[in-house]
């Protein structure tokens, strides 16, 4: 497997990462930031919010549901915005 330049894992041929927060409000603020980044990149992850945990999953649907450079770039930019 390729050495990832971000903190995500490959699960079921998708990039996945869970982010934990101290409060629900902080988790939702992070989701808002992820939305802003996704709009800029024109590449949108699946988002699951479970109280103080946000799980993101990304794969490129336009490229036969494979992980592409778009996914890696999005993952790296989201990682940069993650503040505990």
Protein backbone atom coordinates (compact mmCIF):
# COMPACT_ATOMS: atom_id res chain seq x y z
CA UNK A 1 0.00 0.00 0.00
CA UNK A 2 1.09 3.54 -0.77
CA UNK A 3 2.50 5.51 2.17
CA UNK A 4 -0.24 8.02 2.93
CA UNK A 5 0.75 11.67 3.40
CA UNK A 6 -2.15 12.19 5.80
CA UNK A 7 -3.75 10.47 8.79
CA UNK A 8 -6.47 8.54 6.98
CA UNK A 9 -6.83 4.79 6.49
CA UNK A 10 -7.95 2.76 3.51
CA UNK A 11 -11.10 0.83 4.42
CA UNK A 12 -13.14 -1.02 1.80
CA UNK A 13 -11.19 0.79 -0.93
CA UNK A 14 -12.10 4.24 0.45
CA UNK A 15 -10.21 6.79 2.54
CA UNK A 16 -11.70 6.96 6.04
CA UNK A 17 -10.90 8.91 9.20
CA UNK A 18 -12.72 9.60 12.44
CA UNK A 19 -12.21 12.89 14.27
CA UNK A 20 -13.07 13.29 17.97
CA UNK A 21 -14.14 16.48 19.71
CA UNK A 22 -14.87 17.51 23.29
CA UNK A 23 -18.38 18.75 22.49
CA UNK A 24 -21.14 18.25 19.96
CA UNK A 25 -20.88 21.93 19.00
CA UNK A 26 -17.19 21.53 18.18
CA UNK A 27 -17.98 18.50 16.01
CA UNK A 28 -20.62 20.45 14.09
CA UNK A 29 -18.28 23.42 13.64
CA UNK A 30 -15.74 20.99 12.13
CA UNK A 31 -18.39 19.61 9.75
CA UNK A 32 -19.07 23.17 8.61
CA UNK A 33 -15.35 23.66 7.93
CA UNK A 34 -15.20 20.34 6.04
CA UNK A 35 -18.12 21.57 3.92
CA UNK A 36 -16.26 24.79 3.13
CA UNK A 37 -13.14 22.85 2.10
CA UNK A 38 -15.18 20.38 0.04
CA UNK A 39 -16.84 23.22 -1.87
CA UNK A 40 -13.49 24.84 -2.64
CA UNK A 41 -12.06 21.50 -3.82
CA UNK A 42 -15.30 20.52 -5.58
CA UNK A 43 -14.91 17.09 -3.99
CA UNK A 44 -17.29 16.03 -1.24
CA UNK A 45 -16.86 13.35 1.43
CA UNK A 46 -19.57 11.33 3.11
CA UNK A 47 -20.04 12.67 6.63
CA UNK A 48 -21.30 10.75 9.67
CA UNK A 49 -21.82 12.62 12.94
CA UNK A 50 -22.14 10.58 16.12
CA UNK A 51 -22.33 13.06 18.99
CA UNK A 52 -18.65 14.12 19.41
CA UNK A 53 -17.22 11.91 16.65
CA UNK A 54 -17.21 12.83 12.97
CA UNK A 55 -16.32 10.10 10.47
CA UNK A 56 -15.45 11.11 6.92
CA UNK A 57 -15.22 8.80 3.93
CA UNK A 58 -14.01 9.81 0.50
CA UNK A 59 -13.65 8.10 -2.86
CA UNK A 60 -13.84 9.43 -6.40
CA UNK A 61 -17.17 8.33 -7.84
CA UNK A 62 -16.33 9.73 -11.29
CA UNK A 63 -13.33 7.38 -11.47
CA UNK A 64 -15.03 4.02 -10.85
CA UNK A 65 -15.18 4.55 -7.06
CA UNK A 66 -11.42 4.49 -6.65
CA UNK A 67 -9.12 6.54 -4.46
CA UNK A 68 -7.50 9.26 -6.54
CA UNK A 69 -5.29 12.31 -5.98
CA UNK A 70 -8.51 14.28 -5.40
CA UNK A 71 -9.21 12.15 -2.32
CA UNK A 72 -5.67 12.45 -0.99
CA UNK A 73 -5.66 16.23 -1.48
CA UNK A 74 -9.03 16.57 0.26
CA UNK A 75 -7.86 14.38 3.15
CA UNK A 76 -4.71 16.45 3.63
CA UNK A 77 -6.63 19.74 3.59
CA UNK A 78 -9.15 18.42 6.11
CA UNK A 79 -6.31 17.20 8.34
CA UNK A 80 -4.82 20.71 8.29
CA UNK A 81 -8.11 22.14 9.58
CA UNK A 82 -8.53 19.63 12.45
CA UNK A 83 -8.03 21.30 15.83
CA UNK A 84 -8.51 19.38 19.05
